[in-house]
C-alpha atoms as a PDB file:
ATOM      1  CA  MET A   1      15.051 -40.663 -26.179  1.00  0.00           C
ATOM      2  CA  ASP A   2      15.783 -43.539 -23.892  1.00  0.00           C
ATOM      3  CA  ILE A   3      19.238 -44.567 -23.053  1.00  0.00           C
ATOM      4  CA  LEU A   4      20.329 -48.112 -22.758  1.00  0.00           C
ATOM      5  CA  ALA A   5      23.697 -49.306 -21.293  1.00  0.00           C
ATOM      6  CA  ILE A   6      25.577 -52.199 -22.797  1.00  0.00           C
ATOM      7  CA  PRO A   7      28.605 -53.697 -20.939  1.00  0.00           C
ATOM      8  CA  CYS A   8      31.638 -53.466 -23.035  1.00  0.00           C
ATOM      9  CA  HIS A   9      32.454 -57.158 -22.302  1.00  0.00           C
ATOM     10  CA  ASN A  10      29.045 -58.037 -23.507  1.00  0.00           C
ATOM     11  CA  ALA A  11      29.104 -60.693 -26.353  1.00  0.00           C
ATOM     12  CA  LEU A  12      27.080 -59.884 -29.513  1.00  0.00           C
ATOM     13  CA  GLU A  13      25.274 -62.541 -31.580  1.00  0.00           C
ATOM     14  CA  VAL A  14      23.845 -61.293 -35.019  1.00  0.00           C
ATOM     15  CA  LYS A  15      20.705 -63.265 -35.884  1.00  0.00           C
ATOM     16  CA  CYS A  16      19.766 -61.596 -39.189  1.00  0.00           C
ATOM     17  CA  ALA A  17      20.411 -58.566 -41.109  1.00  0.00           C
ATOM     18  CA  ASN A  18      19.153 -57.049 -44.474  1.00  0.00           C
ATOM     19  CA  VAL A  19      18.424 -53.826 -46.289  1.00  0.00           C
ATOM     20  CA  LEU A  20      14.630 -53.423 -46.699  1.00  0.00           C
ATOM     21  CA  SER A  21      12.163 -51.021 -48.512  1.00  0.00           C
ATOM     22  CA  GLN A  22       8.890 -50.130 -46.628  1.00  0.00           C
ATOM     23  CA  ARG A  23       6.769 -50.436 -49.779  1.00  0.00           C
ATOM     24  CA  LYS A  24       7.865 -53.894 -50.436  1.00  0.00           C
ATOM     25  CA  LEU A  25       6.937 -55.124 -46.817  1.00  0.00           C
ATOM     26  CA  THR A  26       3.898 -57.347 -46.627  1.00  0.00           C
ATOM     27  CA  ALA A  27       3.473 -57.602 -42.919  1.00  0.00           C
ATOM     28  CA  ARG A  28       2.424 -54.131 -41.596  1.00  0.00           C
ATOM     29  CA  ILE A  29       0.417 -55.405 -38.559  1.00  0.00           C
ATOM     30  CA  PRO A  30       1.896 -54.605 -35.291  1.00  0.00           C
ATOM     31  CA  HIS A  31       4.405 -57.478 -34.434  1.00  0.00           C
ATOM     32  CA  TYR A  32       7.136 -58.520 -31.928  1.00  0.00           C
ATOM     33  CA  ASN A  33      10.293 -60.334 -31.939  1.00  0.00           C
ATOM     34  CA  PRO A  34      12.558 -61.896 -29.197  1.00  0.00           C
ATOM     35  CA  ASN A  35      15.696 -60.019 -30.230  1.00  0.00           C
ATOM     36  CA  TYR A  36      17.099 -56.462 -30.206  1.00  0.00           C
ATOM     37  CA  GLU A  37      16.345 -54.832 -33.452  1.00  0.00           C
ATOM     38  CA  LEU A  38      18.342 -51.832 -34.871  1.00  0.00           C
ATOM     39  CA  LEU A  39      16.970 -49.969 -37.808  1.00  0.00           C
ATOM     40  CA  ALA A  40      18.932 -47.237 -39.712  1.00  0.00           C
ATOM     41  CA  VAL A  41      17.140 -45.131 -42.286  1.00  0.00           C
ATOM     42  CA  SER A  42      19.180 -45.070 -45.587  1.00  0.00           C
ATOM     43  CA  GLU A  43      16.430 -43.217 -47.615  1.00  0.00           C
ATOM     44  CA  GLY A  44      13.753 -41.318 -45.838  1.00  0.00           C
ATOM     45  CA  PRO A  45      10.958 -40.796 -44.839  1.00  0.00           C
ATOM     46  CA  LEU A  46      10.253 -44.053 -43.148  1.00  0.00           C
ATOM     47  CA  TYR A  47       6.993 -44.402 -41.104  1.00  0.00           C
ATOM     48  CA  LEU A  48       7.378 -46.528 -37.999  1.00  0.00           C
ATOM     49  CA  GLN A  49       5.020 -46.926 -35.177  1.00  0.00           C
ATOM     50  CA  ILE A  50       6.418 -48.234 -31.851  1.00  0.00           C
ATOM     51  CA  GLU A  51       3.645 -49.219 -29.475  1.00  0.00           C
ATOM     52  CA  GLU A  52       1.472 -46.130 -29.561  1.00  0.00           C
ATOM     53  CA  GLU A  53       3.980 -43.671 -30.830  1.00  0.00           C
ATOM     54  CA  ARG A  54       4.089 -42.782 -34.589  1.00  0.00           C
ATOM     55  CA  LEU A  55       7.377 -41.825 -35.941  1.00  0.00           C
ATOM     56  CA  THR A  56       8.442 -40.210 -39.111  1.00  0.00           C
ATOM     57  CA  LEU A  57      12.057 -40.878 -39.628  1.00  0.00           C
ATOM     58  CA  HIS A  58      14.548 -39.495 -42.064  1.00  0.00           C
ATOM     59  CA  THR A  59      17.906 -40.443 -43.630  1.00  0.00           C
ATOM     60  CA  GLY A  60      20.365 -41.050 -40.927  1.00  0.00           C
ATOM     61  CA  ASP A  61      17.894 -41.603 -38.160  1.00  0.00           C
ATOM     62  CA  ILE A  62      18.377 -44.723 -36.176  1.00  0.00           C
ATOM     63  CA  VAL A  63      15.907 -46.782 -33.870  1.00  0.00           C
ATOM     64  CA  LEU A  64      16.943 -49.444 -31.415  1.00  0.00           C
ATOM     65  CA  LEU A  65      13.950 -51.754 -30.503  1.00  0.00           C
ATOM     66  CA  LYS A  66      13.979 -53.811 -27.367  1.00  0.00           C
ATOM     67  CA  PRO A  67      13.008 -57.510 -27.388  1.00  0.00           C
ATOM     68  CA  TRP A  68       9.289 -57.976 -27.636  1.00  0.00           C
ATOM     69  CA  GLN A  69       8.623 -54.261 -28.241  1.00  0.00           C
ATOM     70  CA  GLN A  70       5.549 -53.988 -30.445  1.00  0.00           C
ATOM     71  CA  HIS A  71       6.247 -52.133 -33.652  1.00  0.00           C
ATOM     72  CA  ALA A  72       4.612 -51.615 -37.178  1.00  0.00           C
ATOM     73  CA  PHE A  73       4.843 -49.561 -40.198  1.00  0.00           C
ATOM     74  CA  TRP A  74       2.103 -47.030 -41.082  1.00  0.00           C
ATOM     75  CA  ASN A  75       1.240 -44.423 -43.704  1.00  0.00           C
ATOM     76  CA  LYS A  76       1.028 -47.010 -46.529  1.00  0.00           C
ATOM     77  CA  SER A  77       0.236 -44.384 -49.160  1.00  0.00           C
ATOM     78  CA  GLU A  78       3.760 -42.708 -48.870  1.00  0.00           C
ATOM     79  CA  ALA A  79       5.769 -45.797 -47.744  1.00  0.00           C
ATOM     80  CA  ASN A  80       8.795 -45.348 -49.855  1.00  0.00           C
ATOM     81  CA  GLY A  81      11.472 -45.318 -47.231  1.00  0.00           C
ATOM     82  CA  GLU A  82      14.380 -47.817 -47.168  1.00  0.00           C
ATOM     83  CA  PHE A  83      16.429 -48.967 -44.122  1.00  0.00           C
ATOM     84  CA  TYR A  84      19.256 -51.190 -42.986  1.00  0.00           C
ATOM     85  CA  TRP A  85      17.961 -53.700 -40.255  1.00  0.00           C
ATOM     86  CA  VAL A  86      19.759 -56.067 -37.967  1.00  0.00           C
ATOM     87  CA  GLN A  87      18.453 -58.346 -35.043  1.00  0.00           C
ATOM     88  CA  PHE A  88      20.864 -59.341 -32.569  1.00  0.00           C
ATOM     89  CA  GLN A  89      20.994 -60.882 -29.106  1.00  0.00           C
ATOM     90  CA  THR A  90      23.497 -59.996 -26.215  1.00  0.00           C
ATOM     91  CA  THR A  91      24.845 -62.090 -23.419  1.00  0.00           C
ATOM     92  CA  PHE A  92      23.443 -59.697 -20.757  1.00  0.00           C
ATOM     93  CA  PRO A  93      20.393 -57.490 -21.314  1.00  0.00           C
ATOM     94  CA  LEU A  94      20.729 -53.810 -22.028  1.00  0.00           C
ATOM     95  CA  GLN A  95      19.978 -51.793 -19.005  1.00  0.00           C
ATOM     96  CA  PRO A  96      17.771 -48.587 -19.151  1.00  0.00           C
ATOM     97  CA  MET A  97      19.372 -45.412 -17.831  1.00  0.00           C
ATOM     98  CA  ALA A  98      17.858 -42.108 -16.762  1.00  0.00           C
ATOM     99  CA  SER A  99      19.345 -39.548 -18.822  1.00  0.00           C
ATOM    100  CA  GLU A 100      19.330 -36.875 -16.085  1.00  0.00           C
ATOM    101  CA  GLN A 101      21.302 -39.154 -13.867  1.00  0.00           C
ATOM    102  CA  ILE A 102      24.168 -39.876 -16.306  1.00  0.00           C
ATOM    103  CA  ASN A 103      27.522 -38.310 -15.628  1.00  0.00           C
ATOM    104  CA  TRP A 104      28.259 -37.478 -19.180  1.00  0.00           C
ATOM    105  CA  GLU A 105      31.788 -36.346 -18.231  1.00  0.00           C
ATOM    106  CA  GLN A 106      32.577 -39.576 -16.671  1.00  0.00           C
ATOM    107  CA  TYR A 107      31.392 -41.658 -19.690  1.00  0.00           C
ATOM    108  CA  HIS A 108      33.145 -39.307 -22.156  1.00  0.00           C
ATOM    109  CA  HIS A 109      36.448 -40.034 -20.575  1.00  0.00           C
ATOM    110  CA  THR A 110      36.147 -43.535 -19.692  1.00  0.00           C
ATOM    111  CA  ALA A 111      39.038 -44.597 -21.928  1.00  0.00           C
ATOM    112  CA  ARG A 112      41.246 -42.240 -19.897  1.00  0.00           C
ATOM    113  CA  THR A 113      40.178 -43.793 -16.514  1.00  0.00           C
ATOM    114  CA  ASN A 114      40.461 -47.316 -17.691  1.00  0.00           C
ATOM    115  CA  LEU A 115      44.219 -46.620 -17.857  1.00  0.00           C
ATOM    116  CA  LEU A 116      44.134 -47.505 -14.291  1.00  0.00           C
ATOM    117  CA  GLN A 117      45.134 -51.079 -13.252  1.00  0.00           C
ATOM    118  CA  LEU A 118      42.732 -51.460 -10.383  1.00  0.00           C
ATOM    119  CA  GLU A 119      41.479 -54.849  -9.111  1.00  0.00           C
ATOM    120  CA  GLN A 120      38.051 -53.623  -9.903  1.00  0.00           C
ATOM    121  CA  PRO A 121      37.556 -50.734 -12.337  1.00  0.00           C
ATOM    122  CA  ARG A 122      36.055 -47.624 -10.877  1.00  0.00           C
ATOM    123  CA  SER A 123      34.960 -46.060 -14.166  1.00  0.00           C
ATOM    124  CA  PRO A 124      31.755 -47.185 -16.148  1.00  0.00           C
ATOM    125  CA  ASN A 125      32.706 -50.100 -18.372  1.00  0.00           C
ATOM    126  CA  THR A 126      29.803 -49.563 -20.568  1.00  0.00           C
ATOM    127  CA  MET A 127      28.484 -48.043 -23.908  1.00  0.00           C
ATOM    128  CA  LEU A 128      25.441 -45.677 -23.962  1.00  0.00           C
ATOM    129  CA  LEU A 129      23.019 -46.390 -26.715  1.00  0.00           C
ATOM    130  CA  PRO A 130      20.142 -44.241 -27.624  1.00  0.00           C
ATOM    131  CA  THR A 131      16.891 -45.858 -28.558  1.00  0.00           C
ATOM    132  CA  GLN A 132      16.338 -42.966 -31.221  1.00  0.00           C
ATOM    133  CA  MET A 133      18.891 -40.617 -32.716  1.00  0.00           C
ATOM    134  CA  HIS A 134      19.944 -38.868 -35.788  1.00  0.00           C
ATOM    135  CA  LEU A 135      23.561 -39.569 -36.989  1.00  0.00           C
ATOM    136  CA  GLY A 136      25.386 -36.892 -38.868  1.00  0.00           C
ATOM    137  CA  ASN A 137      28.136 -39.445 -40.015  1.00  0.00           C
ATOM    138  CA  LYS A 138      25.388 -41.460 -41.675  1.00  0.00           C
ATOM    139  CA  PHE A 139      27.718 -42.582 -44.625  1.00  0.00           C
ATOM    140  CA  LYS A 140      29.998 -44.356 -42.320  1.00  0.00           C
ATOM    141  CA  LEU A 141      27.139 -45.901 -40.579  1.00  0.00           C
ATOM    142  CA  PHE A 142      25.894 -47.153 -43.877  1.00  0.00           C
ATOM    143  CA  THR A 143      29.240 -48.477 -44.891  1.00  0.00           C
ATOM    144  CA  LEU A 144      29.590 -50.602 -41.677  1.00  0.00           C
ATOM    145  CA  PHE A 145      26.151 -52.042 -42.297  1.00  0.00           C
ATOM    146  CA  GLU A 146      27.191 -53.009 -45.817  1.00  0.00           C
ATOM    147  CA  ASN A 147      30.360 -54.630 -44.212  1.00  0.00           C
ATOM    148  CA  LEU A 148      27.936 -56.653 -41.992  1.00  0.00           C
ATOM    149  CA  LEU A 149      25.761 -57.654 -44.925  1.00  0.00           C
ATOM    150  CA  ASP A 150      28.721 -58.788 -46.961  1.00  0.00           C
ATOM    151  CA  GLU A 151      29.589 -61.243 -44.157  1.00  0.00           C
ATOM    152  CA  LEU A 152      26.124 -62.687 -44.065  1.00  0.00           C
ATOM    153  CA  ARG A 153      25.685 -62.878 -47.955  1.00  0.00           C
ATOM    154  CA  GLU A 154      28.706 -64.902 -48.443  1.00  0.00           C
ATOM    155  CA  PRO A 155      29.307 -66.753 -45.203  1.00  0.00           C
ATOM    156  CA  GLN A 156      32.940 -68.223 -44.670  1.00  0.00           C
ATOM    157  CA  GLY A 157      34.918 -69.501 -41.899  1.00  0.00           C
ATOM    158  CA  ASN A 158      34.411 -67.337 -38.782  1.00  0.00           C
ATOM    159  CA  PHE A 159      31.734 -65.074 -40.320  1.00  0.00           C
ATOM    160  CA  LEU A 160      29.713 -64.988 -37.284  1.00  0.00           C
ATOM    161  CA  PHE A 161      32.613 -63.622 -35.391  1.00  0.00           C
ATOM    162  CA  ARG A 162      33.201 -61.069 -38.070  1.00  0.00           C
ATOM    163  CA  ALA A 163      29.619 -60.143 -38.097  1.00  0.00           C
ATOM    164  CA  ALA A 164      29.520 -59.595 -34.353  1.00  0.00           C
ATOM    165  CA  LEU A 165      32.617 -57.308 -34.842  1.00  0.00           C
ATOM    166  CA  CYS A 166      30.756 -55.363 -37.525  1.00  0.00           C
ATOM    167  CA  LEU A 167      27.837 -54.885 -35.367  1.00  0.00           C
ATOM    168  CA  GLY A 168      30.112 -53.887 -32.627  1.00  0.00           C
ATOM    169  CA  SER A 169      31.567 -51.149 -34.755  1.00  0.00           C
ATOM    170  CA  ILE A 170      28.011 -49.952 -35.549  1.00  0.00           C
ATOM    171  CA  LEU A 171      27.005 -49.798 -31.920  1.00  0.00           C
ATOM    172  CA  GLU A 172      30.366 -47.975 -31.045  1.00  0.00           C
ATOM    173  CA  LEU A 173      29.701 -45.240 -33.684  1.00  0.00           C
ATOM    174  CA  ILE A 174      26.199 -44.800 -32.434  1.00  0.00           C
ATOM    175  CA  SER A 175      27.436 -44.458 -28.920  1.00  0.00           C
ATOM    176  CA  THR A 176      30.307 -42.172 -29.759  1.00  0.00           C
ATOM    177  CA  SER A 177      27.974 -39.985 -31.711  1.00  0.00           C
ATOM    178  CA  LEU A 178      25.615 -39.757 -28.667  1.00  0.00           C
ATOM    179  CA  LEU A 179      28.656 -38.694 -26.329  1.00  0.00           C
ATOM    180  CA  GLN A 180      29.716 -36.044 -29.066  1.00  0.00           C
ATOM    181  CA  SER A 181      26.323 -34.651 -28.927  1.00  0.00           C
ATOM    182  CA  LYS A 182      26.592 -34.145 -25.340  1.00  0.00           C
ATOM    183  CA  SER A 183      30.151 -32.751 -25.565  1.00  0.00           C
ATOM    184  CA  ALA A 184      28.822 -29.116 -25.585  1.00  0.00           C
ATOM    185  CA  GLU A 185      27.751 -29.886 -21.868  1.00  0.00           C
ATOM    186  CA  ILE A 186      31.194 -31.124 -21.047  1.00  0.00           C
ATOM    187  CA  ARG A 187      33.542 -28.294 -19.976  1.00  0.00           C
ATOM    188  CA  PRO A 188      36.955 -28.731 -21.642  1.00  0.00           C
ATOM    189  CA  SER A 189      39.655 -29.382 -19.184  1.00  0.00           C
ATOM    190  CA  LYS A 190      43.419 -30.052 -19.370  1.00  0.00           C
ATOM    191  CA  ASP A 191      42.926 -32.185 -16.191  1.00  0.00           C
ATOM    192  CA  HIS A 192      42.395 -35.298 -18.257  1.00  0.00           C
ATOM    193  CA  ASP A 193      45.939 -35.026 -19.980  1.00  0.00           C
ATOM    194  CA  ILE A 194      47.586 -34.452 -16.566  1.00  0.00           C
ATOM    195  CA  PHE A 195      45.689 -37.660 -15.286  1.00  0.00           C
ATOM    196  CA  CYS A 196      46.830 -39.561 -18.297  1.00  0.00           C
ATOM    197  CA  LYS A 197      50.530 -38.544 -17.963  1.00  0.00           C
ATOM    198  CA  THR A 198      50.505 -39.154 -14.192  1.00  0.00           C
ATOM    199  CA  THR A 199      49.161 -42.680 -14.732  1.00  0.00           C
ATOM    200  CA  PHE A 200      51.888 -43.372 -17.286  1.00  0.00           C
ATOM    201  CA  TYR A 201      54.499 -42.018 -14.788  1.00  0.00           C
ATOM    202  CA  LEU A 202      53.348 -44.249 -12.052  1.00  0.00           C
ATOM    203  CA  HIS A 203      53.289 -47.263 -14.232  1.00  0.00           C
ATOM    204  CA  ASN A 204      56.883 -46.918 -15.198  1.00  0.00           C
ATOM    205  CA  ASN A 205      58.119 -45.724 -11.718  1.00  0.00           C
ATOM    206  CA  TYR A 206      56.045 -47.443  -8.995  1.00  0.00           C
ATOM    207  CA  MET A 207      58.850 -49.662  -8.061  1.00  0.00           C
ATOM    208  CA  ASN A 208      60.914 -46.582  -7.025  1.00  0.00           C
ATOM    209  CA  ASP A 209      60.170 -43.810  -4.668  1.00  0.00           C
ATOM    210  CA  ILE A 210      57.860 -41.244  -6.181  1.00  0.00           C
ATOM    211  CA  ASN A 211      59.887 -38.171  -6.441  1.00  0.00           C
ATOM    212  CA  LYS A 212      57.493 -35.326  -6.122  1.00  0.00           C
ATOM    213  CA  ASP A 213      60.082 -32.778  -7.693  1.00  0.00           C
ATOM    214  CA  VAL A 214      60.517 -35.048 -10.785  1.00  0.00           C
ATOM    215  CA  MET A 215      56.766 -35.378 -11.073  1.00  0.00           C
ATOM    216  CA  GLU A 216      56.176 -31.608 -10.796  1.00  0.00           C
ATOM    217  CA  LYS A 217      58.935 -30.913 -13.419  1.00  0.00           C
ATOM    218  CA  TYR A 218      57.478 -33.624 -15.729  1.00  0.00           C
ATOM    219  CA  LEU A 219      53.887 -32.228 -15.536  1.00  0.00           C
ATOM    220  CA  GLN A 220      54.594 -28.577 -14.805  1.00  0.00           C
ATOM    221  CA  ARG A 221      52.098 -28.559 -12.204  1.00  0.00           C
ATOM    222  CA  SER A 222      52.542 -28.618  -8.235  1.00  0.00           C
ATOM    223  CA  TYR A 223      52.406 -32.131  -6.691  1.00  0.00           C
ATOM    224  CA  GLU A 224      49.380 -31.055  -4.730  1.00  0.00           C
ATOM    225  CA  TYR A 225      47.456 -30.278  -7.804  1.00  0.00           C
ATOM    226  CA  ILE A 226      48.453 -33.414  -9.534  1.00  0.00           C
ATOM    227  CA  GLY A 227      47.380 -35.370  -6.671  1.00  0.00           C
ATOM    228  CA  GLN A 228      44.026 -33.788  -6.669  1.00  0.00           C
ATOM    229  CA  VAL A 229      43.418 -34.374 -10.377  1.00  0.00           C
ATOM    230  CA  PHE A 230      44.521 -38.121  -9.965  1.00  0.00           C
ATOM    231  CA  LYS A 231      42.127 -38.504  -7.012  1.00  0.00           C
ATOM    232  CA  LYS A 232      39.137 -36.926  -8.985  1.00  0.00           C
ATOM    233  CA  TYR A 233      39.531 -39.300 -11.858  1.00  0.00           C
ATOM    234  CA  SER A 234      40.444 -42.441  -9.963  1.00  0.00           C
ATOM    235  CA  ASP A 235      39.041 -42.242  -6.544  1.00  0.00           C
ATOM    236  CA  VAL A 236      42.197 -43.179  -5.063  1.00  0.00           C
ATOM    237  CA  THR A 237      45.316 -41.301  -4.082  1.00  0.00           C
ATOM    238  CA  ILE A 238      48.652 -41.660  -5.680  1.00  0.00           C
ATOM    239  CA  GLY A 239      50.074 -43.499  -2.798  1.00  0.00           C
ATOM    240  CA  GLU A 240      47.204 -45.823  -2.683  1.00  0.00           C
ATOM    241  CA  TYR A 241      47.518 -46.595  -6.321  1.00  0.00           C
ATOM    242  CA  VAL A 242      51.361 -47.068  -6.192  1.00  0.00           C
ATOM    243  CA  GLN A 243      50.637 -49.722  -3.572  1.00  0.00           C
ATOM    244  CA  VAL A 244      48.076 -51.326  -5.835  1.00  0.00           C
ATOM    245  CA  LEU A 245      50.690 -51.567  -8.732  1.00  0.00           C
ATOM    246  CA  ARG A 246      53.449 -52.893  -6.323  1.00  0.00           C
ATOM    247  CA  VAL A 247      50.983 -55.613  -4.983  1.00  0.00           C
ATOM    248  CA  GLN A 248      49.861 -56.677  -8.526  1.00  0.00           C
ATOM    249  CA  ARG A 249      53.565 -57.203  -9.479  1.00  0.00           C
ATOM    250  CA  ALA A 250      54.187 -59.028  -6.278  1.00  0.00           C
ATOM    251  CA  LYS A 251      51.253 -61.261  -7.114  1.00  0.00           C
ATOM    252  CA  TYR A 252      52.746 -62.258 -10.418  1.00  0.00           C
ATOM    253  CA  LEU A 253      56.341 -62.813  -9.010  1.00  0.00           C
ATOM    254  CA  LEU A 254      54.931 -65.054  -6.230  1.00  0.00           C
ATOM    255  CA  ARG A 255      53.078 -67.241  -8.769  1.00  0.00           C
ATOM    256  CA  HIS A 256      55.709 -67.281 -11.451  1.00  0.00           C
ATOM    257  CA  THR A 257      58.992 -67.188  -9.685  1.00  0.00           C
ATOM    258  CA  ALA A 258      60.776 -68.792  -6.762  1.00  0.00           C
ATOM    259  CA  LYS A 259      62.145 -65.694  -5.324  1.00  0.00           C
ATOM    260  CA  THR A 260      61.688 -65.098  -1.623  1.00  0.00           C
ATOM    261  CA  ILE A 261      59.357 -62.724  -0.097  1.00  0.00           C
ATOM    262  CA  GLY A 262      62.170 -60.394   0.952  1.00  0.00           C
ATOM    263  CA  GLU A 263      63.438 -60.407  -2.618  1.00  0.00           C
ATOM    264  CA  ILE A 264      59.928 -59.626  -4.130  1.00  0.00           C
ATOM    265  CA  SER A 265      59.280 -56.910  -1.636  1.00  0.00           C
ATOM    266  CA  GLU A 266      62.600 -55.430  -2.472  1.00  0.00           C
ATOM    267  CA  GLU A 267      61.917 -55.539  -6.105  1.00  0.00           C
ATOM    268  CA  VAL A 268      58.483 -53.953  -6.071  1.00  0.00           C
ATOM    269  CA  GLY A 269      59.676 -51.023  -3.992  1.00  0.00           C
ATOM    270  CA  ILE A 270      58.924 -52.015  -0.493  1.00  0.00           C
ATOM    271  CA  PRO A 271      62.298 -52.907   1.174  1.00  0.00           C
ATOM    272  CA  GLU A 272      60.768 -53.897   4.520  1.00  0.00           C
ATOM    273  CA  PRO A 273      59.139 -57.449   4.206  1.00  0.00           C
ATOM    274  CA  PHE A 274      56.949 -56.971   7.291  1.00  0.00           C
ATOM    275  CA  TYR A 275      55.520 -53.754   5.834  1.00  0.00           C
ATOM    276  CA  PHE A 276      55.139 -55.443   2.448  1.00  0.00           C
ATOM    277  CA  SER A 277      53.341 -58.229   3.829  1.00  0.00           C
ATOM    278  CA  LYS A 278      50.943 -55.818   5.667  1.00  0.00           C
ATOM    279  CA  ILE A 279      50.242 -53.931   2.551  1.00  0.00           C
ATOM    280  CA  PHE A 280      49.667 -57.131   0.581  1.00  0.00           C
ATOM    281  CA  LYS A 281      47.123 -58.400   3.014  1.00  0.00           C
ATOM    282  CA  LYS A 282      45.335 -55.075   3.094  1.00  0.00           C
ATOM    283  CA  ILE A 283      44.811 -55.088  -0.571  1.00  0.00           C
ATOM    284  CA  THR A 284      44.385 -58.944  -1.334  1.00  0.00           C
ATOM    285  CA  GLY A 285      43.002 -60.092   2.130  1.00  0.00           C
ATOM    286  CA  LYS A 286      45.918 -62.738   2.182  1.00  0.00           C
ATOM    287  CA  GLN A 287      49.399 -63.091   3.343  1.00  0.00           C
ATOM    288  CA  PRO A 288      51.906 -63.393   0.499  1.00  0.00           C
ATOM    289  CA  SER A 289      52.928 -66.890   1.457  1.00  0.00           C
ATOM    290  CA  LYS A 290      49.310 -68.109   1.643  1.00  0.00           C
ATOM    291  CA  TYR A 291      48.684 -66.399  -1.781  1.00  0.00           C
ATOM    292  CA  ARG A 292      51.660 -68.159  -3.261  1.00  0.00           C
ATOM    293  CA  GLN A 293      50.419 -71.626  -2.058  1.00  0.00           C
ATOM    294  CA  GLU A 294      46.973 -71.426  -3.581  1.00  0.00           C
ATOM    295  CA  PRO A 295      46.381 -72.563  -7.016  1.00  0.00           C
ATOM    296  CA  SER A 296      46.253 -69.972  -9.553  1.00  0.00           C
ATOM    297  CA  GLY A 297      42.605 -69.193 -11.057  1.00  0.00           C
END
């Protein structure tokens, strides 16, 4: 099983979709197409050959083909399988990933780490898709495919957008199933809950002095341990992250209000304007006054 990574900001474009029966297919010679192609077996077995590999697929199996990947059907004498099928394109190509190099825990908790308001996200902003897999929740998969086909059978209004949303739900289900299949390899930990609660606390209190005693009481952990957990999942310290939040708020105030730099530094929790300017330049590369003068992007 190969793994492909699809950026979460990738736009999806459905080209065509259908539900097909292998016995009714006329073109069984090896062929190619320029799009990604996803097959989900609704009634097995389905006999599919990908390049030189012959597969016998069963109900609930999925196969994701890459553009121009040779494939054909074989075993014509027992060709009774049925399958859902969709061809699609993406803004950016799906990237192959070496399974042994994937940090499954990191991907499993991406949603948690994306709570961070960092200038550049540190967590992987991608979904992982297997090229072959069996889905236990096959009925939900088939329902999503039916929703996709309904949009294409009776196209109205923004049907292509809705079709892309349906496809996105299908890919998300497959990706989540892949992560869940790896969950046995991920050691359960309460650290993620601590990280989540710490993040929310900082988002609500960044403009104030971060009170260690209050945080310890709130999280029922020592401040040292809280800091270690936060650094583990964010790659920054609590103090560094508080500075990022303060600068982000300052950037908004500089662009959208007429407040002085001194007033802004006071509001975001850095009473000393000189120190505020130093922190602002360290994070943005610009002095607050210069940032204010530049046109907003």
